[in-house]
Amino acid sequence: MAGRGSRESCGLWRLRFSQACAELALARGDYATAIEEARHTIDQNPLVSGRSTKRWDSCMTRARARLAQGDQLRAMEDAKQAVAVARPIGDPSLLLETLALLLELDGSDEIAAEARASGWSAC
């Protein structure tokens, strides 16, 4: 039993480290590294249970990096994945942030309506 906890704890620290590296790379404009580190975090995520917000962080970081690279289509795919992760978490601020990015990429009325509803539920 103790070994399992240690593996899970180690996995969580790997997730946190990979995500921190992705965010730092994004901040310094190293978009390829940001995308790779975010991918690594997303790939590791199923190994650590109950870490949906880490997956959300990674999807959002990768979407922002792809958008900065001009890859709007793949940024939109990542933003949609982040929305799918954010909805069941039940945190209106996460969902609103995600929808705001998706709205920037795909200004549909449906996304705008959901963002408005999410914004009101956050108040």
PDB file of N, CA and C in Angstrom:
ATOM      1  N   MET A   1       0.808  -1.183   0.000  1.00  0.00           N
ATOM      2  CA  MET A   1       0.000   0.000   0.000  1.00  0.00           C
ATOM      3  C   MET A   1       0.865   1.266   0.000  1.00  0.00           C
ATOM      4  N   ALA A   2       1.909   1.290   0.798  1.00  0.00           N
ATOM      5  CA  ALA A   2       2.777   2.471   0.863  1.00  0.00           C
ATOM      6  C   ALA A   2       3.438   2.739  -0.479  1.00  0.00           C
ATOM      7  N   GLY A   3       3.793   1.679  -1.203  1.00  0.00           N
ATOM      8  CA  GLY A   3       4.418   1.845  -2.505  1.00  0.00           C
ATOM      9  C   GLY A   3       3.496   2.512  -3.500  1.00  0.00           C
ATOM     10  N   ARG A   4       2.202   2.159  -3.432  1.00  0.00           N
ATOM     11  CA  ARG A   4       1.246   2.754  -4.366  1.00  0.00           C
ATOM     12  C   ARG A   4       1.116   4.256  -4.117  1.00  0.00           C
ATOM     13  N   GLY A   5       1.024   4.659  -2.865  1.00  0.00           N
ATOM     14  CA  GLY A   5       0.938   6.079  -2.537  1.00  0.00           C
ATOM     15  C   GLY A   5       2.158   6.827  -3.031  1.00  0.00           C
ATOM     16  N   SER A   6       3.297   6.218  -2.911  1.00  0.00           N
ATOM     17  CA  SER A   6       4.530   6.853  -3.365  1.00  0.00           C
ATOM     18  C   SER A   6       4.532   7.025  -4.876  1.00  0.00           C
ATOM     19  N   ARG A   7       4.058   6.022  -5.592  1.00  0.00           N
ATOM     20  CA  ARG A   7       3.986   6.123  -7.056  1.00  0.00           C
ATOM     21  C   ARG A   7       3.020   7.223  -7.472  1.00  0.00           C
ATOM     22  N   GLU A   8       1.872   7.297  -6.786  1.00  0.00           N
ATOM     23  CA  GLU A   8       0.895   8.322  -7.128  1.00  0.00           C
ATOM     24  C   GLU A   8       1.442   9.706  -6.811  1.00  0.00           C
ATOM     25  N   SER A   9       2.111   9.841  -5.679  1.00  0.00           N
ATOM     26  CA  SER A   9       2.703  11.117  -5.298  1.00  0.00           C
ATOM     27  C   SER A   9       3.781  11.522  -6.297  1.00  0.00           C
ATOM     28  N   CYS A  10       4.585  10.571  -6.698  1.00  0.00           N
ATOM     29  CA  CYS A  10       5.636  10.837  -7.686  1.00  0.00           C
ATOM     30  C   CYS A  10       5.008  11.262  -9.018  1.00  0.00           C
ATOM     31  N   GLY A  11       3.929  10.592  -9.395  1.00  0.00           N
ATOM     32  CA  GLY A  11       3.237  10.939 -10.635  1.00  0.00           C
ATOM     33  C   GLY A  11       2.663  12.341 -10.591  1.00  0.00           C
ATOM     34  N   LEU A  12       2.136  12.719  -9.440  1.00  0.00           N
ATOM     35  CA  LEU A  12       1.588  14.067  -9.289  1.00  0.00           C
ATOM     36  C   LEU A  12       2.682  15.114  -9.413  1.00  0.00           C
ATOM     37  N   TRP A  13       3.838  14.853  -8.826  1.00  0.00           N
ATOM     38  CA  TRP A  13       4.940  15.813  -8.924  1.00  0.00           C
ATOM     39  C   TRP A  13       5.444  15.916 -10.360  1.00  0.00           C
ATOM     40  N   ARG A  14       5.447  14.808 -11.079  1.00  0.00           N
ATOM     41  CA  ARG A  14       5.835  14.857 -12.496  1.00  0.00           C
ATOM     42  C   ARG A  14       4.858  15.711 -13.290  1.00  0.00           C
ATOM     43  N   LEU A  15       3.556  15.537 -13.001  1.00  0.00           N
ATOM     44  CA  LEU A  15       2.546  16.358 -13.669  1.00  0.00           C
ATOM     45  C   LEU A  15       2.770  17.836 -13.388  1.00  0.00           C
ATOM     46  N   ARG A  16       2.962  18.154 -12.131  1.00  0.00           N
ATOM     47  CA  ARG A  16       3.163  19.556 -11.751  1.00  0.00           C
ATOM     48  C   ARG A  16       4.408  20.136 -12.406  1.00  0.00           C
ATOM     49  N   PHE A  17       5.478  19.366 -12.426  1.00  0.00           N
ATOM     50  CA  PHE A  17       6.725  19.845 -13.020  1.00  0.00           C
ATOM     51  C   PHE A  17       6.565  20.057 -14.522  1.00  0.00           C
ATOM     52  N   SER A  18       5.961  19.094 -15.200  1.00  0.00           N
ATOM     53  CA  SER A  18       5.752  19.227 -16.649  1.00  0.00           C
ATOM     54  C   SER A  18       4.884  20.429 -16.966  1.00  0.00           C
ATOM     55  N   GLN A  19       3.824  20.624 -16.182  1.00  0.00           N
ATOM     56  CA  GLN A  19       2.942  21.755 -16.435  1.00  0.00           C
ATOM     57  C   GLN A  19       3.651  23.075 -16.157  1.00  0.00           C
ATOM     58  N   ALA A  20       4.452  23.122 -15.105  1.00  0.00           N
ATOM     59  CA  ALA A  20       5.219  24.345 -14.810  1.00  0.00           C
ATOM     60  C   ALA A  20       6.182  24.651 -15.957  1.00  0.00           C
ATOM     61  N   CYS A  21       6.833  23.629 -16.485  1.00  0.00           N
ATOM     62  CA  CYS A  21       7.740  23.822 -17.620  1.00  0.00           C
ATOM     63  C   CYS A  21       6.982  24.337 -18.843  1.00  0.00           C
ATOM     64  N   ALA A  22       5.778  23.802 -19.078  1.00  0.00           N
ATOM     65  CA  ALA A  22       4.960  24.240 -20.211  1.00  0.00           C
ATOM     66  C   ALA A  22       4.582  25.706 -20.054  1.00  0.00           C
ATOM     67  N   GLU A  23       4.166  26.099 -18.859  1.00  0.00           N
ATOM     68  CA  GLU A  23       3.752  27.482 -18.634  1.00  0.00           C
ATOM     69  C   GLU A  23       4.931  28.449 -18.734  1.00  0.00           C
ATOM     70  N   LEU A  24       6.079  28.033 -18.231  1.00  0.00           N
ATOM     71  CA  LEU A  24       7.271  28.881 -18.345  1.00  0.00           C
ATOM     72  C   LEU A  24       7.692  29.040 -19.805  1.00  0.00           C
ATOM     73  N   ALA A  25       7.640  27.953 -20.551  1.00  0.00           N
ATOM     74  CA  ALA A  25       7.989  28.020 -21.972  1.00  0.00           C
ATOM     75  C   ALA A  25       7.025  28.946 -22.718  1.00  0.00           C
ATOM     76  N   LEU A  26       5.744  28.849 -22.404  1.00  0.00           N
ATOM     77  CA  LEU A  26       4.753  29.728 -23.033  1.00  0.00           C
ATOM     78  C   LEU A  26       5.061  31.185 -22.701  1.00  0.00           C
ATOM     79  N   ALA A  27       5.375  31.461 -21.452  1.00  0.00           N
ATOM     80  CA  ALA A  27       5.656  32.832 -21.014  1.00  0.00           C
ATOM     81  C   ALA A  27       6.877  33.425 -21.703  1.00  0.00           C
ATOM     82  N   ARG A  28       7.859  32.591 -21.997  1.00  0.00           N
ATOM     83  CA  ARG A  28       9.065  33.127 -22.643  1.00  0.00           C
ATOM     84  C   ARG A  28       8.993  33.049 -24.172  1.00  0.00           C
ATOM     85  N   GLY A  29       7.859  32.589 -24.700  1.00  0.00           N
ATOM     86  CA  GLY A  29       7.670  32.560 -26.149  1.00  0.00           C
ATOM     87  C   GLY A  29       8.243  31.345 -26.838  1.00  0.00           C
ATOM     88  N   ASP A  30       8.599  30.324 -26.073  1.00  0.00           N
ATOM     89  CA  ASP A  30       9.106  29.071 -26.637  1.00  0.00           C
ATOM     90  C   ASP A  30       7.913  28.131 -26.826  1.00  0.00           C
ATOM     91  N   TYR A  31       7.153  28.391 -27.881  1.00  0.00           N
ATOM     92  CA  TYR A  31       5.877  27.718 -28.075  1.00  0.00           C
ATOM     93  C   TYR A  31       6.016  26.230 -28.355  1.00  0.00           C
ATOM     94  N   ALA A  32       7.050  25.836 -29.080  1.00  0.00           N
ATOM     95  CA  ALA A  32       7.240  24.410 -29.367  1.00  0.00           C
ATOM     96  C   ALA A  32       7.466  23.629 -28.071  1.00  0.00           C
ATOM     97  N   THR A  33       8.262  24.179 -27.170  1.00  0.00           N
ATOM     98  CA  THR A  33       8.505  23.517 -25.884  1.00  0.00           C
ATOM     99  C   THR A  33       7.240  23.512 -25.045  1.00  0.00           C
ATOM    100  N   ALA A  34       6.500  24.606 -25.068  1.00  0.00           N
ATOM    101  CA  ALA A  34       5.247  24.678 -24.311  1.00  0.00           C
ATOM    102  C   ALA A  34       4.284  23.592 -24.780  1.00  0.00           C
ATOM    103  N   ILE A  35       4.174  23.418 -26.075  1.00  0.00           N
ATOM    104  CA  ILE A  35       3.283  22.404 -26.642  1.00  0.00           C
ATOM    105  C   ILE A  35       3.753  21.009 -26.240  1.00  0.00           C
ATOM    106  N   GLU A  36       5.049  20.768 -26.342  1.00  0.00           N
ATOM    107  CA  GLU A  36       5.590  19.448 -26.001  1.00  0.00           C
ATOM    108  C   GLU A  36       5.402  19.128 -24.514  1.00  0.00           C
ATOM    109  N   GLU A  37       5.704  20.078 -23.654  1.00  0.00           N
ATOM    110  CA  GLU A  37       5.537  19.843 -22.212  1.00  0.00           C
ATOM    111  C   GLU A  37       4.073  19.653 -21.841  1.00  0.00           C
ATOM    112  N   ALA A  38       3.192  20.434 -22.459  1.00  0.00           N
ATOM    113  CA  ALA A  38       1.758  20.273 -22.196  1.00  0.00           C
ATOM    114  C   ALA A  38       1.292  18.899 -22.680  1.00  0.00           C
ATOM    115  N   ARG A  39       1.774  18.475 -23.845  1.00  0.00           N
ATOM    116  CA  ARG A  39       1.423  17.138 -24.351  1.00  0.00           C
ATOM    117  C   ARG A  39       1.880  16.069 -23.374  1.00  0.00           C
ATOM    118  N   HIS A  40       3.079  16.239 -22.869  1.00  0.00           N
ATOM    119  CA  HIS A  40       3.630  15.276 -21.910  1.00  0.00           C
ATOM    120  C   HIS A  40       2.745  15.202 -20.664  1.00  0.00           C
ATOM    121  N   THR A  41       2.299  16.348 -20.184  1.00  0.00           N
ATOM    122  CA  THR A  41       1.429  16.382 -19.014  1.00  0.00           C
ATOM    123  C   THR A  41       0.095  15.714 -19.309  1.00  0.00           C
ATOM    124  N   ILE A  42      -0.479  15.994 -20.471  1.00  0.00           N
ATOM    125  CA  ILE A  42      -1.751  15.379 -20.861  1.00  0.00           C
ATOM    126  C   ILE A  42      -1.590  13.872 -20.966  1.00  0.00           C
ATOM    127  N   ASP A  43      -0.484  13.425 -21.548  1.00  0.00           N
ATOM    128  CA  ASP A  43      -0.250  11.983 -21.687  1.00  0.00           C
ATOM    129  C   ASP A  43      -0.084  11.296 -20.339  1.00  0.00           C
ATOM    130  N   GLN A  44       0.526  11.976 -19.370  1.00  0.00           N
ATOM    131  CA  GLN A  44       0.726  11.406 -18.034  1.00  0.00           C
ATOM    132  C   GLN A  44      -0.542  11.421 -17.206  1.00  0.00           C
ATOM    133  N   ASN A  45      -1.435  12.342 -17.502  1.00  0.00           N
ATOM    134  CA  ASN A  45      -2.569  12.612 -16.635  1.00  0.00           C
ATOM    135  C   ASN A  45      -3.428  11.409 -16.294  1.00  0.00           C
ATOM    136  N   PRO A  46      -3.749  10.509 -17.217  1.00  0.00           N
ATOM    137  CA  PRO A  46      -4.583   9.370 -16.828  1.00  0.00           C
ATOM    138  C   PRO A  46      -3.941   8.493 -15.749  1.00  0.00           C
ATOM    139  N   LEU A  47      -2.638   8.594 -15.586  1.00  0.00           N
ATOM    140  CA  LEU A  47      -1.952   7.780 -14.593  1.00  0.00           C
ATOM    141  C   LEU A  47      -2.174   8.280 -13.172  1.00  0.00           C
ATOM    142  N   VAL A  48      -2.618   9.513 -13.029  1.00  0.00           N
ATOM    143  CA  VAL A  48      -2.830  10.105 -11.712  1.00  0.00           C
ATOM    144  C   VAL A  48      -4.314  10.428 -11.585  1.00  0.00           C
ATOM    145  N   SER A  49      -4.986   9.731 -10.706  1.00  0.00           N
ATOM    146  CA  SER A  49      -6.433   9.878 -10.595  1.00  0.00           C
ATOM    147  C   SER A  49      -6.823  11.218  -9.975  1.00  0.00           C
ATOM    148  N   GLY A  50      -7.985  11.719 -10.387  1.00  0.00           N
ATOM    149  CA  GLY A  50      -8.558  12.915  -9.795  1.00  0.00           C
ATOM    150  C   GLY A  50      -7.809  14.199 -10.084  1.00  0.00           C
ATOM    151  N   ARG A  51      -7.121  14.277 -11.173  1.00  0.00           N
ATOM    152  CA  ARG A  51      -6.336  15.472 -11.488  1.00  0.00           C
ATOM    153  C   ARG A  51      -6.860  16.167 -12.738  1.00  0.00           C
ATOM    154  N   SER A  52      -8.144  16.368 -12.787  1.00  0.00           N
ATOM    155  CA  SER A  52      -8.756  16.999 -13.965  1.00  0.00           C
ATOM    156  C   SER A  52      -8.258  18.422 -14.178  1.00  0.00           C
ATOM    157  N   THR A  53      -8.025  19.163 -13.095  1.00  0.00           N
ATOM    158  CA  THR A  53      -7.568  20.542 -13.282  1.00  0.00           C
ATOM    159  C   THR A  53      -6.182  20.589 -13.908  1.00  0.00           C
ATOM    160  N   LYS A  54      -5.353  19.599 -13.642  1.00  0.00           N
ATOM    161  CA  LYS A  54      -4.031  19.542 -14.286  1.00  0.00           C
ATOM    162  C   LYS A  54      -4.199  19.327 -15.786  1.00  0.00           C
ATOM    163  N   ARG A  55      -5.123  18.454 -16.153  1.00  0.00           N
ATOM    164  CA  ARG A  55      -5.381  18.216 -17.572  1.00  0.00           C
ATOM    165  C   ARG A  55      -5.925  19.486 -18.219  1.00  0.00           C
ATOM    166  N   TRP A  56      -6.812  20.184 -17.509  1.00  0.00           N
ATOM    167  CA  TRP A  56      -7.365  21.434 -18.012  1.00  0.00           C
ATOM    168  C   TRP A  56      -6.246  22.456 -18.233  1.00  0.00           C
ATOM    169  N   ASP A  57      -5.360  22.610 -17.235  1.00  0.00           N
ATOM    170  CA  ASP A  57      -4.223  23.535 -17.362  1.00  0.00           C
ATOM    171  C   ASP A  57      -3.409  23.230 -18.611  1.00  0.00           C
ATOM    172  N   SER A  58      -3.149  21.959 -18.820  1.00  0.00           N
ATOM    173  CA  SER A  58      -2.317  21.541 -19.952  1.00  0.00           C
ATOM    174  C   SER A  58      -2.998  21.824 -21.286  1.00  0.00           C
ATOM    175  N   CYS A  59      -4.290  21.530 -21.371  1.00  0.00           N
ATOM    176  CA  CYS A  59      -5.030  21.806 -22.611  1.00  0.00           C
ATOM    177  C   CYS A  59      -5.037  23.294 -22.912  1.00  0.00           C
ATOM    178  N   MET A  60      -5.238  24.107 -21.877  1.00  0.00           N
ATOM    179  CA  MET A  60      -5.267  25.557 -22.063  1.00  0.00           C
ATOM    180  C   MET A  60      -3.883  26.088 -22.466  1.00  0.00           C
ATOM    181  N   THR A  61      -2.848  25.599 -21.832  1.00  0.00           N
ATOM    182  CA  THR A  61      -1.491  26.041 -22.173  1.00  0.00           C
ATOM    183  C   THR A  61      -1.165  25.683 -23.614  1.00  0.00           C
ATOM    184  N   ARG A  62      -1.493  24.463 -23.999  1.00  0.00           N
ATOM    185  CA  ARG A  62      -1.206  24.031 -25.364  1.00  0.00           C
ATOM    186  C   ARG A  62      -2.035  24.839 -26.367  1.00  0.00           C
ATOM    187  N   ALA A  63      -3.289  25.111 -26.039  1.00  0.00           N
ATOM    188  CA  ALA A  63      -4.129  25.914 -26.933  1.00  0.00           C
ATOM    189  C   ALA A  63      -3.540  27.310 -27.115  1.00  0.00           C
ATOM    190  N   ARG A  64      -3.107  27.919 -26.023  1.00  0.00           N
ATOM    191  CA  ARG A  64      -2.526  29.268 -26.104  1.00  0.00           C
ATOM    192  C   ARG A  64      -1.227  29.275 -26.910  1.00  0.00           C
ATOM    193  N   ALA A  65      -0.414  28.246 -26.719  1.00  0.00           N
ATOM    194  CA  ALA A  65       0.848  28.157 -27.471  1.00  0.00           C
ATOM    195  C   ALA A  65       0.569  27.962 -28.958  1.00  0.00           C
ATOM    196  N   ARG A  66      -0.393  27.117 -29.272  1.00  0.00           N
ATOM    197  CA  ARG A  66      -0.720  26.904 -30.687  1.00  0.00           C
ATOM    198  C   ARG A  66      -1.315  28.158 -31.313  1.00  0.00           C
ATOM    199  N   LEU A  67      -2.124  28.866 -30.549  1.00  0.00           N
ATOM    200  CA  LEU A  67      -2.683  30.114 -31.050  1.00  0.00           C
ATOM    201  C   LEU A  67      -1.558  31.116 -31.315  1.00  0.00           C
ATOM    202  N   ALA A  68      -0.598  31.195 -30.417  1.00  0.00           N
ATOM    203  CA  ALA A  68       0.547  32.104 -30.596  1.00  0.00           C
ATOM    204  C   ALA A  68       1.366  31.729 -31.829  1.00  0.00           C
ATOM    205  N   GLN A  69       1.384  30.445 -32.168  1.00  0.00           N
ATOM    206  CA  GLN A  69       2.088  29.992 -33.368  1.00  0.00           C
ATOM    207  C   GLN A  69       1.274  30.215 -34.640  1.00  0.00           C
ATOM    208  N   GLY A  70       0.022  30.594 -34.475  1.00  0.00           N
ATOM    209  CA  GLY A  70      -0.840  30.803 -35.627  1.00  0.00           C
ATOM    210  C   GLY A  70      -1.601  29.564 -36.054  1.00  0.00           C
ATOM    211  N   ASP A  71      -1.562  28.514 -35.250  1.00  0.00           N
ATOM    212  CA  ASP A  71      -2.254  27.260 -35.557  1.00  0.00           C
ATOM    213  C   ASP A  71      -3.640  27.292 -34.906  1.00  0.00           C
ATOM    214  N   GLN A  72      -4.532  28.071 -35.498  1.00  0.00           N
ATOM    215  CA  GLN A  72      -5.847  28.287 -34.905  1.00  0.00           C
ATOM    216  C   GLN A  72      -6.681  27.013 -34.851  1.00  0.00           C
ATOM    217  N   LEU A  73      -6.585  26.178 -35.854  1.00  0.00           N
ATOM    218  CA  LEU A  73      -7.382  24.945 -35.890  1.00  0.00           C
ATOM    219  C   LEU A  73      -7.028  24.030 -34.716  1.00  0.00           C
ATOM    220  N   ARG A  74      -5.751  23.791 -34.508  1.00  0.00           N
ATOM    221  CA  ARG A  74      -5.340  22.906 -33.411  1.00  0.00           C
ATOM    222  C   ARG A  74      -5.536  23.581 -32.052  1.00  0.00           C
ATOM    223  N   ALA A  75      -5.406  24.907 -32.005  1.00  0.00           N
ATOM    224  CA  ALA A  75      -5.696  25.632 -30.767  1.00  0.00           C
ATOM    225  C   ALA A  75      -7.166  25.447 -30.403  1.00  0.00           C
ATOM    226  N   MET A  76      -8.037  25.495 -31.405  1.00  0.00           N
ATOM    227  CA  MET A  76      -9.459  25.307 -31.162  1.00  0.00           C
ATOM    228  C   MET A  76      -9.747  23.883 -30.669  1.00  0.00           C
ATOM    229  N   GLU A  77      -9.063  22.901 -31.225  1.00  0.00           N
ATOM    230  CA  GLU A  77      -9.225  21.517 -30.762  1.00  0.00           C
ATOM    231  C   GLU A  77      -8.839  21.396 -29.283  1.00  0.00           C
ATOM    232  N   ASP A  78      -7.723  22.021 -28.919  1.00  0.00           N
ATOM    233  CA  ASP A  78      -7.287  21.978 -27.518  1.00  0.00           C
ATOM    234  C   ASP A  78      -8.257  22.718 -26.609  1.00  0.00           C
ATOM    235  N   ALA A  79      -8.761  23.864 -27.070  1.00  0.00           N
ATOM    236  CA  ALA A  79      -9.718  24.627 -26.267  1.00  0.00           C
ATOM    237  C   ALA A  79     -11.005  23.826 -26.073  1.00  0.00           C
ATOM    238  N   LYS A  80     -11.450  23.135 -27.104  1.00  0.00           N
ATOM    239  CA  LYS A  80     -12.648  22.293 -26.979  1.00  0.00           C
ATOM    240  C   LYS A  80     -12.408  21.148 -25.992  1.00  0.00           C
ATOM    241  N   GLN A  81     -11.212  20.584 -26.026  1.00  0.00           N
ATOM    242  CA  GLN A  81     -10.862  19.542 -25.066  1.00  0.00           C
ATOM    243  C   GLN A  81     -10.860  20.113 -23.645  1.00  0.00           C
ATOM    244  N   ALA A  82     -10.357  21.339 -23.488  1.00  0.00           N
ATOM    245  CA  ALA A  82     -10.345  21.986 -22.175  1.00  0.00           C
ATOM    246  C   ALA A  82     -11.769  22.238 -21.679  1.00  0.00           C
ATOM    247  N   VAL A  83     -12.679  22.620 -22.580  1.00  0.00           N
ATOM    248  CA  VAL A  83     -14.082  22.812 -22.204  1.00  0.00           C
ATOM    249  C   VAL A  83     -14.665  21.489 -21.711  1.00  0.00           C
ATOM    250  N   ALA A  84     -14.377  20.411 -22.431  1.00  0.00           N
ATOM    251  CA  ALA A  84     -14.887  19.096 -22.043  1.00  0.00           C
ATOM    252  C   ALA A  84     -14.365  18.668 -20.678  1.00  0.00           C
ATOM    253  N   VAL A  85     -13.152  19.066 -20.347  1.00  0.00           N
ATOM    254  CA  VAL A  85     -12.579  18.750 -19.042  1.00  0.00           C
ATOM    255  C   VAL A  85     -13.170  19.669 -17.973  1.00  0.00           C
ATOM    256  N   ALA A  86     -13.371  20.941 -18.304  1.00  0.00           N
ATOM    257  CA  ALA A  86     -13.838  21.933 -17.327  1.00  0.00           C
ATOM    258  C   ALA A  86     -15.283  21.713 -16.904  1.00  0.00           C
ATOM    259  N   ARG A  87     -16.136  21.306 -17.821  1.00  0.00           N
ATOM    260  CA  ARG A  87     -17.567  21.170 -17.486  1.00  0.00           C
ATOM    261  C   ARG A  87     -17.805  20.278 -16.273  1.00  0.00           C
ATOM    262  N   PRO A  88     -17.295  19.055 -16.250  1.00  0.00           N
ATOM    263  CA  PRO A  88     -17.588  18.195 -15.087  1.00  0.00           C
ATOM    264  C   PRO A  88     -16.898  18.632 -13.789  1.00  0.00           C
ATOM    265  N   ILE A  89     -15.883  19.468 -13.873  1.00  0.00           N
ATOM    266  CA  ILE A  89     -15.215  19.943 -12.658  1.00  0.00           C
ATOM    267  C   ILE A  89     -16.195  20.792 -11.851  1.00  0.00           C
ATOM    268  N   GLY A  90     -17.027  21.540 -12.559  1.00  0.00           N
ATOM    269  CA  GLY A  90     -18.057  22.318 -11.885  1.00  0.00           C
ATOM    270  C   GLY A  90     -17.589  23.666 -11.348  1.00  0.00           C
ATOM    271  N   ASP A  91     -16.438  24.134 -11.785  1.00  0.00           N
ATOM    272  CA  ASP A  91     -15.924  25.435 -11.357  1.00  0.00           C
ATOM    273  C   ASP A  91     -16.248  26.450 -12.458  1.00  0.00           C
ATOM    274  N   PRO A  92     -17.205  27.358 -12.201  1.00  0.00           N
ATOM    275  CA  PRO A  92     -17.609  28.296 -13.254  1.00  0.00           C
ATOM    276  C   PRO A  92     -16.469  29.170 -13.768  1.00  0.00           C
ATOM    277  N   SER A  93     -15.517  29.515 -12.915  1.00  0.00           N
ATOM    278  CA  SER A  93     -14.420  30.370 -13.379  1.00  0.00           C
ATOM    279  C   SER A  93     -13.525  29.634 -14.375  1.00  0.00           C
ATOM    280  N   LEU A  94     -13.279  28.351 -14.146  1.00  0.00           N
ATOM    281  CA  LEU A  94     -12.497  27.564 -15.118  1.00  0.00           C
ATOM    282  C   LEU A  94     -13.234  27.490 -16.444  1.00  0.00           C
ATOM    283  N   LEU A  95     -14.519  27.193 -16.362  1.00  0.00           N
ATOM    284  CA  LEU A  95     -15.308  27.069 -17.583  1.00  0.00           C
ATOM    285  C   LEU A  95     -15.361  28.400 -18.325  1.00  0.00           C
ATOM    286  N   LEU A  96     -15.545  29.490 -17.605  1.00  0.00           N
ATOM    287  CA  LEU A  96     -15.616  30.801 -18.237  1.00  0.00           C
ATOM    288  C   LEU A  96     -14.295  31.169 -18.914  1.00  0.00           C
ATOM    289  N   GLU A  97     -13.186  30.902 -18.253  1.00  0.00           N
ATOM    290  CA  GLU A  97     -11.879  31.177 -18.858  1.00  0.00           C
ATOM    291  C   GLU A  97     -11.692  30.364 -20.138  1.00  0.00           C
ATOM    292  N   THR A  98     -12.122  29.122 -20.088  1.00  0.00           N
ATOM    293  CA  THR A  98     -11.982  28.245 -21.247  1.00  0.00           C
ATOM    294  C   THR A  98     -12.883  28.708 -22.384  1.00  0.00           C
ATOM    295  N   LEU A  99     -14.121  29.037 -22.043  1.00  0.00           N
ATOM    296  CA  LEU A  99     -15.055  29.495 -23.065  1.00  0.00           C
ATOM    297  C   LEU A  99     -14.601  30.821 -23.676  1.00  0.00           C
ATOM    298  N   ALA A 100     -13.973  31.674 -22.880  1.00  0.00           N
ATOM    299  CA  ALA A 100     -13.461  32.938 -23.405  1.00  0.00           C
ATOM    300  C   ALA A 100     -12.401  32.685 -24.482  1.00  0.00           C
ATOM    301  N   LEU A 101     -11.525  31.721 -24.229  1.00  0.00           N
ATOM    302  CA  LEU A 101     -10.524  31.378 -25.236  1.00  0.00           C
ATOM    303  C   LEU A 101     -11.189  30.778 -26.468  1.00  0.00           C
ATOM    304  N   LEU A 102     -12.127  29.883 -26.252  1.00  0.00           N
ATOM    305  CA  LEU A 102     -12.818  29.264 -27.379  1.00  0.00           C
ATOM    306  C   LEU A 102     -13.614  30.309 -28.160  1.00  0.00           C
ATOM    307  N   LEU A 103     -14.194  31.271 -27.469  1.00  0.00           N
ATOM    308  CA  LEU A 103     -14.936  32.343 -28.122  1.00  0.00           C
ATOM    309  C   LEU A 103     -14.012  33.187 -28.996  1.00  0.00           C
ATOM    310  N   GLU A 104     -12.780  33.397 -28.517  1.00  0.00           N
ATOM    311  CA  GLU A 104     -11.785  34.123 -29.304  1.00  0.00           C
ATOM    312  C   GLU A 104     -11.466  33.363 -30.596  1.00  0.00           C
ATOM    313  N   LEU A 105     -11.466  32.047 -30.520  1.00  0.00           N
ATOM    314  CA  LEU A 105     -11.123  31.218 -31.671  1.00  0.00           C
ATOM    315  C   LEU A 105     -12.318  30.958 -32.589  1.00  0.00           C
ATOM    316  N   ASP A 106     -13.490  30.803 -31.982  1.00  0.00           N
ATOM    317  CA  ASP A 106     -14.691  30.422 -32.728  1.00  0.00           C
ATOM    318  C   ASP A 106     -15.868  31.187 -32.138  1.00  0.00           C
ATOM    319  N   GLY A 107     -16.085  32.383 -32.618  1.00  0.00           N
ATOM    320  CA  GLY A 107     -17.078  33.269 -32.025  1.00  0.00           C
ATOM    321  C   GLY A 107     -18.516  32.880 -32.284  1.00  0.00           C
ATOM    322  N   SER A 108     -18.883  31.640 -32.017  1.00  0.00           N
ATOM    323  CA  SER A 108     -20.252  31.218 -32.281  1.00  0.00           C
ATOM    324  C   SER A 108     -21.202  31.724 -31.200  1.00  0.00           C
ATOM    325  N   ASP A 109     -22.467  31.862 -31.577  1.00  0.00           N
ATOM    326  CA  ASP A 109     -23.503  32.305 -30.644  1.00  0.00           C
ATOM    327  C   ASP A 109     -23.682  31.304 -29.502  1.00  0.00           C
ATOM    328  N   GLU A 110     -23.550  30.025 -29.815  1.00  0.00           N
ATOM    329  CA  GLU A 110     -23.711  28.980 -28.795  1.00  0.00           C
ATOM    330  C   GLU A 110     -22.650  29.107 -27.702  1.00  0.00           C
ATOM    331  N   ILE A 111     -21.412  29.343 -28.096  1.00  0.00           N
ATOM    332  CA  ILE A 111     -20.326  29.502 -27.124  1.00  0.00           C
ATOM    333  C   ILE A 111     -20.531  30.789 -26.322  1.00  0.00           C
ATOM    334  N   ALA A 112     -20.943  31.856 -26.995  1.00  0.00           N
ATOM    335  CA  ALA A 112     -21.191  33.122 -26.302  1.00  0.00           C
ATOM    336  C   ALA A 112     -22.300  32.966 -25.267  1.00  0.00           C
ATOM    337  N   ALA A 113     -23.357  32.249 -25.616  1.00  0.00           N
ATOM    338  CA  ALA A 113     -24.466  32.038 -24.682  1.00  0.00           C
ATOM    339  C   ALA A 113     -24.007  31.226 -23.466  1.00  0.00           C
ATOM    340  N   GLU A 114     -23.219  30.193 -23.706  1.00  0.00           N
ATOM    341  CA  GLU A 114     -22.716  29.395 -22.592  1.00  0.00           C
ATOM    342  C   GLU A 114     -21.772  30.214 -21.712  1.00  0.00           C
ATOM    343  N   ALA A 115     -20.954  31.055 -22.325  1.00  0.00           N
ATOM    344  CA  ALA A 115     -20.038  31.908 -21.557  1.00  0.00           C
ATOM    345  C   ALA A 115     -20.817  32.891 -20.691  1.00  0.00           C
ATOM    346  N   ARG A 116     -21.872  33.478 -21.262  1.00  0.00           N
ATOM    347  CA  ARG A 116     -22.710  34.398 -20.476  1.00  0.00           C
ATOM    348  C   ARG A 116     -23.349  33.676 -19.298  1.00  0.00           C
ATOM    349  N   ALA A 117     -23.898  32.496 -19.553  1.00  0.00           N
ATOM    350  CA  ALA A 117     -24.527  31.715 -18.480  1.00  0.00           C
ATOM    351  C   ALA A 117     -23.513  31.309 -17.425  1.00  0.00           C
ATOM    352  N   SER A 118     -22.327  30.934 -17.857  1.00  0.00           N
ATOM    353  CA  SER A 118     -21.278  30.542 -16.924  1.00  0.00           C
ATOM    354  C   SER A 118     -20.820  31.732 -16.102  1.00  0.00           C
ATOM    355  N   GLY A 119     -20.744  32.891 -16.718  1.00  0.00           N
ATOM    356  CA  GLY A 119     -20.348  34.106 -16.010  1.00  0.00           C
ATOM    357  C   GLY A 119     -21.337  34.475 -14.935  1.00  0.00           C
ATOM    358  N   TRP A 120     -22.619  34.316 -15.222  1.00  0.00           N
ATOM    359  CA  TRP A 120     -23.638  34.621 -14.206  1.00  0.00           C
ATOM    360  C   TRP A 120     -23.597  33.625 -13.072  1.00  0.00           C
ATOM    361  N   SER A 121     -23.321  32.358 -13.373  1.00  0.00           N
ATOM    362  CA  SER A 121     -23.282  31.363 -12.293  1.00  0.00           C
ATOM    363  C   SER A 121     -22.055  31.538 -11.408  1.00  0.00           C
ATOM    364  N   ALA A 122     -21.036  32.236 -11.901  1.00  0.00           N
ATOM    365  CA  ALA A 122     -19.831  32.464 -11.103  1.00  0.00           C
ATOM    366  C   ALA A 122     -20.051  33.576 -10.086  1.00  0.00           C
ATOM    367  N   CYS A 123     -21.081  34.401 -10.281  1.00  0.00           N
ATOM    368  CA  CYS A 123     -21.331  35.532  -9.364  1.00  0.00           C
ATOM    369  C   CYS A 123     -22.051  35.081  -8.109  1.00  0.00           C
TER     370      CYS A 123
END
